[in-house]
Each structure stands twice: as structure tokens, then as C-alpha cells.
Amino acid sequence: MPRKPRIELLGKYHIVNRGVEQRVVFKEPEDYKHFEELLCVYAKSFNITIHNYCLMSNHYHLLLEIKQENLSKFMRQLNILVPTLHVGMHTPTQTTKNAQPPTNHQHFHNL
């Protein structure tokens, strides 16, 4: 039996995702840049406002606002991206899951 859909209320959310087993997700400066570019593209296409975000080597934080009930679809699309950052560059098996508190290297942005 499939699980019930998540309840998505319109408003602001703090999202935290980290690499499986706390593995490094972003290794090179290009990894951060590529993620930031696609974050902007997906936010625009899903009509989501990114108020703030912080990228660290093994996880990321997003402070965002949804205006439609599409947060799950947005996050699914964004998290498909994370393992592909490493295809041909690093380990292609890395994925993300719910996170732990922040650590080490930071790319912090206030929009």
C-alpha cells in the first residue's frame, strides 16, 4: 500500500538535506555553483521563493516559501540533481536524506 501524500501547507519552510552517511556532496567550487544555478531555475519553475540558503560540503539548508502545494515535487527534482553533480567527476552513488546540524565548510547566502 503506498504511503499517503505529504500535507503541504502554503508558507515558509526550513529544509535541511545531507549526504548519506554524512558523505561529502559538494567537493569542488563548481559543484556549489552548479547547485546554485539549478536551485534558481527550479525555484522559478515551481514558483518558490528562496529567502536564504547555506551550502556545506556534506549538506545544505534552504529557507523557502511555497505559494502552491508543490514542495515535494520541487525537492524531488532538486535531490535528483545532487548525485548527478558527481557523475564523471566524483562518486556517482551519493544521494541525500534528512539532515543533522551544520558543520564545516559553508556557502551562506542571504537573498
N, C-alpha and C. Protein backbone atom coordinates (compact mmCIF):
# COMPACT_ATOMS: atom_id res chain seq x y z
N MET A 1 0.84 -1.18 0.00
CA MET A 1 0.00 0.00 0.00
C MET A 1 0.89 1.24 0.00
N PRO A 2 0.69 2.16 -0.93
CA PRO A 2 1.53 3.36 -0.98
C PRO A 2 1.26 4.27 0.20
N ARG A 3 2.28 5.03 0.56
CA ARG A 3 2.09 5.96 1.68
C ARG A 3 1.20 7.12 1.25
N LYS A 4 0.58 7.74 2.22
CA LYS A 4 -0.27 8.89 1.94
C LYS A 4 0.58 10.08 1.54
N PRO A 5 0.06 10.94 0.67
CA PRO A 5 0.83 12.13 0.28
C PRO A 5 1.12 13.02 1.49
N ARG A 6 2.25 13.71 1.43
CA ARG A 6 2.59 14.66 2.49
C ARG A 6 1.60 15.82 2.47
N ILE A 7 1.32 16.34 3.64
CA ILE A 7 0.48 17.53 3.72
C ILE A 7 1.40 18.72 3.50
N GLU A 8 1.08 19.55 2.54
CA GLU A 8 1.90 20.72 2.23
C GLU A 8 1.06 21.97 2.44
N LEU A 9 1.43 22.72 3.44
CA LEU A 9 0.75 23.97 3.72
C LEU A 9 1.52 25.11 3.06
N LEU A 10 0.81 26.07 2.55
CA LEU A 10 1.47 27.23 1.96
C LEU A 10 2.18 27.99 3.07
N GLY A 11 3.37 28.49 2.76
CA GLY A 11 4.12 29.24 3.76
C GLY A 11 5.61 28.99 3.66
N LYS A 12 6.31 29.26 4.76
CA LYS A 12 7.78 29.17 4.79
C LYS A 12 8.23 27.86 5.41
N TYR A 13 9.34 27.35 4.88
CA TYR A 13 9.92 26.09 5.34
C TYR A 13 11.43 26.23 5.48
N HIS A 14 11.97 25.53 6.48
CA HIS A 14 13.41 25.36 6.60
C HIS A 14 13.69 23.91 6.22
N ILE A 15 14.42 23.72 5.12
CA ILE A 15 14.73 22.40 4.60
C ILE A 15 16.21 22.13 4.84
N VAL A 16 16.51 20.93 5.33
CA VAL A 16 17.90 20.51 5.51
C VAL A 16 18.05 19.13 4.88
N ASN A 17 19.01 18.97 4.00
CA ASN A 17 19.33 17.69 3.38
C ASN A 17 20.82 17.46 3.48
N ARG A 18 21.20 16.21 3.74
CA ARG A 18 22.62 15.90 3.84
C ARG A 18 22.94 14.66 3.04
N GLY A 19 24.22 14.46 2.77
CA GLY A 19 24.67 13.27 2.08
C GLY A 19 24.46 12.04 2.94
N VAL A 20 24.19 10.90 2.31
CA VAL A 20 24.03 9.64 3.02
C VAL A 20 25.31 9.36 3.80
N GLU A 21 25.17 8.91 5.04
CA GLU A 21 26.30 8.63 5.93
C GLU A 21 27.21 9.85 6.08
N GLN A 22 26.63 11.03 5.95
CA GLN A 22 27.34 12.31 6.06
C GLN A 22 28.50 12.44 5.07
N ARG A 23 28.39 11.77 3.93
CA ARG A 23 29.42 11.87 2.90
C ARG A 23 29.42 13.25 2.27
N VAL A 24 30.54 13.63 1.72
CA VAL A 24 30.66 14.91 1.04
C VAL A 24 29.79 14.90 -0.21
N VAL A 25 29.00 15.96 -0.36
CA VAL A 25 28.14 16.11 -1.53
C VAL A 25 28.76 17.12 -2.51
N PHE A 26 29.31 18.20 -1.96
CA PHE A 26 29.93 19.25 -2.77
C PHE A 26 31.43 19.20 -2.53
N LYS A 27 32.19 18.81 -3.55
CA LYS A 27 33.65 18.71 -3.40
C LYS A 27 34.39 19.90 -4.01
N GLU A 28 33.94 20.34 -5.15
CA GLU A 28 34.63 21.39 -5.90
C GLU A 28 33.79 22.67 -5.92
N PRO A 29 34.41 23.82 -6.12
CA PRO A 29 33.64 25.07 -6.26
C PRO A 29 32.58 24.98 -7.36
N GLU A 30 32.87 24.23 -8.41
CA GLU A 30 31.91 24.07 -9.50
C GLU A 30 30.65 23.34 -9.04
N ASP A 31 30.79 22.43 -8.07
CA ASP A 31 29.63 21.71 -7.53
C ASP A 31 28.65 22.69 -6.89
N TYR A 32 29.19 23.61 -6.09
CA TYR A 32 28.35 24.63 -5.43
C TYR A 32 27.67 25.51 -6.48
N LYS A 33 28.45 25.94 -7.44
CA LYS A 33 27.93 26.84 -8.48
C LYS A 33 26.82 26.17 -9.29
N HIS A 34 27.04 24.93 -9.67
CA HIS A 34 26.04 24.19 -10.45
C HIS A 34 24.75 24.02 -9.64
N PHE A 35 24.87 23.68 -8.36
CA PHE A 35 23.70 23.53 -7.50
C PHE A 35 22.95 24.85 -7.37
N GLU A 36 23.69 25.94 -7.15
CA GLU A 36 23.06 27.26 -7.02
C GLU A 36 22.30 27.64 -8.29
N GLU A 37 22.89 27.37 -9.44
CA GLU A 37 22.22 27.69 -10.71
C GLU A 37 20.93 26.91 -10.86
N LEU A 38 20.98 25.62 -10.59
CA LEU A 38 19.78 24.80 -10.74
C LEU A 38 18.75 25.09 -9.65
N LEU A 39 19.21 25.47 -8.46
CA LEU A 39 18.28 25.88 -7.41
C LEU A 39 17.44 27.06 -7.90
N CYS A 40 18.08 28.02 -8.53
CA CYS A 40 17.36 29.19 -9.06
C CYS A 40 16.39 28.80 -10.17
N VAL A 41 16.83 27.94 -11.07
CA VAL A 41 15.97 27.50 -12.18
C VAL A 41 14.74 26.77 -11.65
N TYR A 42 14.95 25.82 -10.73
CA TYR A 42 13.83 25.05 -10.19
C TYR A 42 12.91 25.92 -9.35
N ALA A 43 13.47 26.83 -8.57
CA ALA A 43 12.64 27.71 -7.75
C ALA A 43 11.71 28.54 -8.64
N LYS A 44 12.25 29.03 -9.73
CA LYS A 44 11.43 29.82 -10.66
C LYS A 44 10.36 28.95 -11.30
N SER A 45 10.72 27.77 -11.75
CA SER A 45 9.75 26.92 -12.44
C SER A 45 8.65 26.40 -11.51
N PHE A 46 8.94 26.28 -10.20
CA PHE A 46 7.93 25.83 -9.24
C PHE A 46 7.30 26.98 -8.47
N ASN A 47 7.63 28.22 -8.84
CA ASN A 47 7.09 29.42 -8.19
C ASN A 47 7.37 29.41 -6.69
N ILE A 48 8.62 29.13 -6.34
CA ILE A 48 9.05 29.07 -4.95
C ILE A 48 10.05 30.20 -4.71
N THR A 49 9.88 30.88 -3.59
CA THR A 49 10.80 31.96 -3.22
C THR A 49 11.86 31.39 -2.29
N ILE A 50 13.12 31.55 -2.66
CA ILE A 50 14.24 31.15 -1.80
C ILE A 50 14.65 32.39 -1.02
N HIS A 51 14.40 32.40 0.28
CA HIS A 51 14.76 33.54 1.12
C HIS A 51 16.22 33.49 1.55
N ASN A 52 16.72 32.29 1.76
CA ASN A 52 18.07 32.13 2.25
C ASN A 52 18.51 30.69 1.99
N TYR A 53 19.80 30.47 1.83
CA TYR A 53 20.30 29.11 1.72
C TYR A 53 21.75 29.06 2.17
N CYS A 54 22.17 27.87 2.56
CA CYS A 54 23.53 27.66 3.02
C CYS A 54 23.98 26.30 2.50
N LEU A 55 25.06 26.28 1.73
CA LEU A 55 25.59 25.04 1.19
C LEU A 55 26.87 24.69 1.94
N MET A 56 26.94 23.48 2.45
CA MET A 56 28.13 22.99 3.13
C MET A 56 28.59 21.72 2.43
N SER A 57 29.76 21.27 2.73
CA SER A 57 30.31 20.16 1.97
C SER A 57 29.44 18.91 2.00
N ASN A 58 28.80 18.62 3.14
CA ASN A 58 28.02 17.38 3.21
C ASN A 58 26.52 17.58 3.34
N HIS A 59 26.04 18.82 3.29
CA HIS A 59 24.60 19.06 3.34
C HIS A 59 24.28 20.49 2.95
N TYR A 60 22.97 20.77 2.87
CA TYR A 60 22.55 22.14 2.57
C TYR A 60 21.29 22.49 3.34
N HIS A 61 21.09 23.79 3.55
CA HIS A 61 19.90 24.35 4.20
C HIS A 61 19.22 25.27 3.19
N LEU A 62 17.90 25.24 3.18
CA LEU A 62 17.11 26.16 2.37
C LEU A 62 16.04 26.78 3.26
N LEU A 63 15.88 28.08 3.17
CA LEU A 63 14.75 28.76 3.79
C LEU A 63 13.92 29.27 2.62
N LEU A 64 12.76 28.65 2.44
CA LEU A 64 11.98 28.96 1.24
C LEU A 64 10.51 29.16 1.58
N GLU A 65 9.80 29.69 0.61
CA GLU A 65 8.37 29.94 0.75
C GLU A 65 7.65 29.36 -0.46
N ILE A 66 6.62 28.56 -0.17
CA ILE A 66 5.84 27.98 -1.28
C ILE A 66 4.51 28.72 -1.40
N LYS A 67 4.10 28.91 -2.63
CA LYS A 67 2.85 29.60 -2.92
C LYS A 67 1.83 28.63 -3.52
N GLN A 68 2.27 27.41 -3.81
CA GLN A 68 1.42 26.33 -4.31
C GLN A 68 1.82 25.07 -3.54
N GLU A 69 1.00 24.06 -3.58
CA GLU A 69 1.31 22.81 -2.88
C GLU A 69 2.21 21.95 -3.76
N ASN A 70 3.48 22.37 -3.89
CA ASN A 70 4.40 21.67 -4.78
C ASN A 70 5.79 21.46 -4.17
N LEU A 71 5.89 21.54 -2.86
CA LEU A 71 7.19 21.41 -2.20
C LEU A 71 7.81 20.03 -2.45
N SER A 72 7.03 18.98 -2.35
CA SER A 72 7.56 17.63 -2.58
C SER A 72 8.11 17.47 -3.99
N LYS A 73 7.39 17.99 -4.97
CA LYS A 73 7.85 17.90 -6.36
C LYS A 73 9.14 18.69 -6.55
N PHE A 74 9.21 19.88 -5.96
CA PHE A 74 10.41 20.71 -6.04
C PHE A 74 11.61 19.98 -5.43
N MET A 75 11.43 19.44 -4.22
CA MET A 75 12.53 18.77 -3.53
C MET A 75 12.96 17.49 -4.27
N ARG A 76 12.00 16.77 -4.82
CA ARG A 76 12.36 15.57 -5.59
C ARG A 76 13.23 15.96 -6.77
N GLN A 77 12.84 17.01 -7.48
CA GLN A 77 13.62 17.47 -8.64
C GLN A 77 15.01 17.93 -8.22
N LEU A 78 15.07 18.69 -7.13
CA LEU A 78 16.35 19.20 -6.65
C LEU A 78 17.26 18.07 -6.18
N ASN A 79 16.70 17.08 -5.50
CA ASN A 79 17.53 16.00 -4.97
C ASN A 79 17.94 14.99 -6.03
N ILE A 80 17.29 14.99 -7.17
CA ILE A 80 17.78 14.20 -8.31
C ILE A 80 19.10 14.80 -8.77
N LEU A 81 19.23 16.12 -8.64
CA LEU A 81 20.43 16.84 -9.06
C LEU A 81 21.65 16.45 -8.26
N VAL A 82 21.54 16.33 -6.95
CA VAL A 82 22.72 16.18 -6.09
C VAL A 82 23.61 15.01 -6.50
N PRO A 83 23.09 13.81 -6.71
CA PRO A 83 24.00 12.73 -7.15
C PRO A 83 24.63 13.00 -8.51
N THR A 84 23.92 13.70 -9.38
CA THR A 84 24.45 13.93 -10.71
C THR A 84 25.58 14.95 -10.72
N LEU A 85 25.76 15.68 -9.63
CA LEU A 85 26.90 16.59 -9.55
C LEU A 85 28.21 15.82 -9.70
N HIS A 86 28.18 14.56 -9.31
CA HIS A 86 29.41 13.78 -9.21
C HIS A 86 29.64 12.83 -10.37
N VAL A 87 28.67 12.68 -11.24
CA VAL A 87 28.84 11.75 -12.36
C VAL A 87 30.00 12.22 -13.24
N GLY A 88 30.97 11.38 -13.39
CA GLY A 88 32.12 11.72 -14.21
C GLY A 88 33.16 12.56 -13.49
N MET A 89 32.84 13.07 -12.30
CA MET A 89 33.79 13.89 -11.55
C MET A 89 34.19 13.22 -10.25
N HIS A 90 33.18 12.71 -9.52
CA HIS A 90 33.42 12.12 -8.21
C HIS A 90 32.67 10.79 -8.14
N THR A 91 32.20 10.43 -6.97
CA THR A 91 31.46 9.18 -6.79
C THR A 91 30.00 9.38 -7.18
N PRO A 92 29.50 8.66 -8.18
CA PRO A 92 28.13 8.88 -8.66
C PRO A 92 27.05 8.28 -7.78
N THR A 93 27.39 7.63 -6.68
CA THR A 93 26.38 6.95 -5.87
C THR A 93 25.87 7.81 -4.71
N GLN A 94 26.35 9.00 -4.53
CA GLN A 94 25.95 9.80 -3.39
C GLN A 94 24.55 10.37 -3.58
N THR A 95 23.75 10.27 -2.52
CA THR A 95 22.41 10.84 -2.51
C THR A 95 22.22 11.61 -1.21
N THR A 96 21.04 12.22 -1.06
CA THR A 96 20.79 12.99 0.16
C THR A 96 19.64 12.39 0.94
N LYS A 97 19.62 12.70 2.22
CA LYS A 97 18.49 12.35 3.08
C LYS A 97 18.39 13.43 4.15
N ASN A 98 17.40 13.33 5.02
CA ASN A 98 17.21 14.36 6.04
C ASN A 98 18.44 14.54 6.89
N ALA A 99 18.63 15.74 7.39
CA ALA A 99 19.94 16.17 7.85
C ALA A 99 20.16 16.22 9.34
N GLN A 100 21.40 16.53 9.66
CA GLN A 100 21.90 16.76 11.01
C GLN A 100 22.26 18.24 11.13
N PRO A 101 22.71 18.71 12.30
CA PRO A 101 23.12 20.11 12.44
C PRO A 101 24.29 20.48 11.54
N PRO A 102 24.48 21.77 11.25
CA PRO A 102 25.53 22.22 10.33
C PRO A 102 26.94 21.90 10.82
N THR A 103 27.84 21.71 9.83
CA THR A 103 29.26 21.51 10.14
C THR A 103 30.12 22.12 9.04
N ASN A 104 31.35 22.26 9.29
CA ASN A 104 32.47 22.66 8.41
C ASN A 104 32.17 23.71 7.34
N HIS A 105 32.67 23.51 6.14
CA HIS A 105 32.68 24.49 5.04
C HIS A 105 31.30 25.05 4.74
N GLN A 106 31.17 26.36 4.56
CA GLN A 106 29.87 26.98 4.36
C GLN A 106 29.86 27.92 3.17
N HIS A 107 28.78 27.89 2.41
CA HIS A 107 28.46 28.88 1.40
C HIS A 107 27.10 29.43 1.82
N PHE A 108 27.10 30.61 2.45
CA PHE A 108 25.89 31.16 3.03
C PHE A 108 25.44 32.35 2.20
N HIS A 109 24.15 32.38 1.89
CA HIS A 109 23.63 33.46 1.05
C HIS A 109 22.34 34.01 1.64
N ASN A 110 22.22 35.30 1.69
CA ASN A 110 21.00 35.96 2.10
C ASN A 110 20.43 36.65 0.89
N LEU A 111 19.23 36.26 0.49
CA LEU A 111 18.64 36.83 -0.72
C LEU A 111 17.60 37.87 -0.37
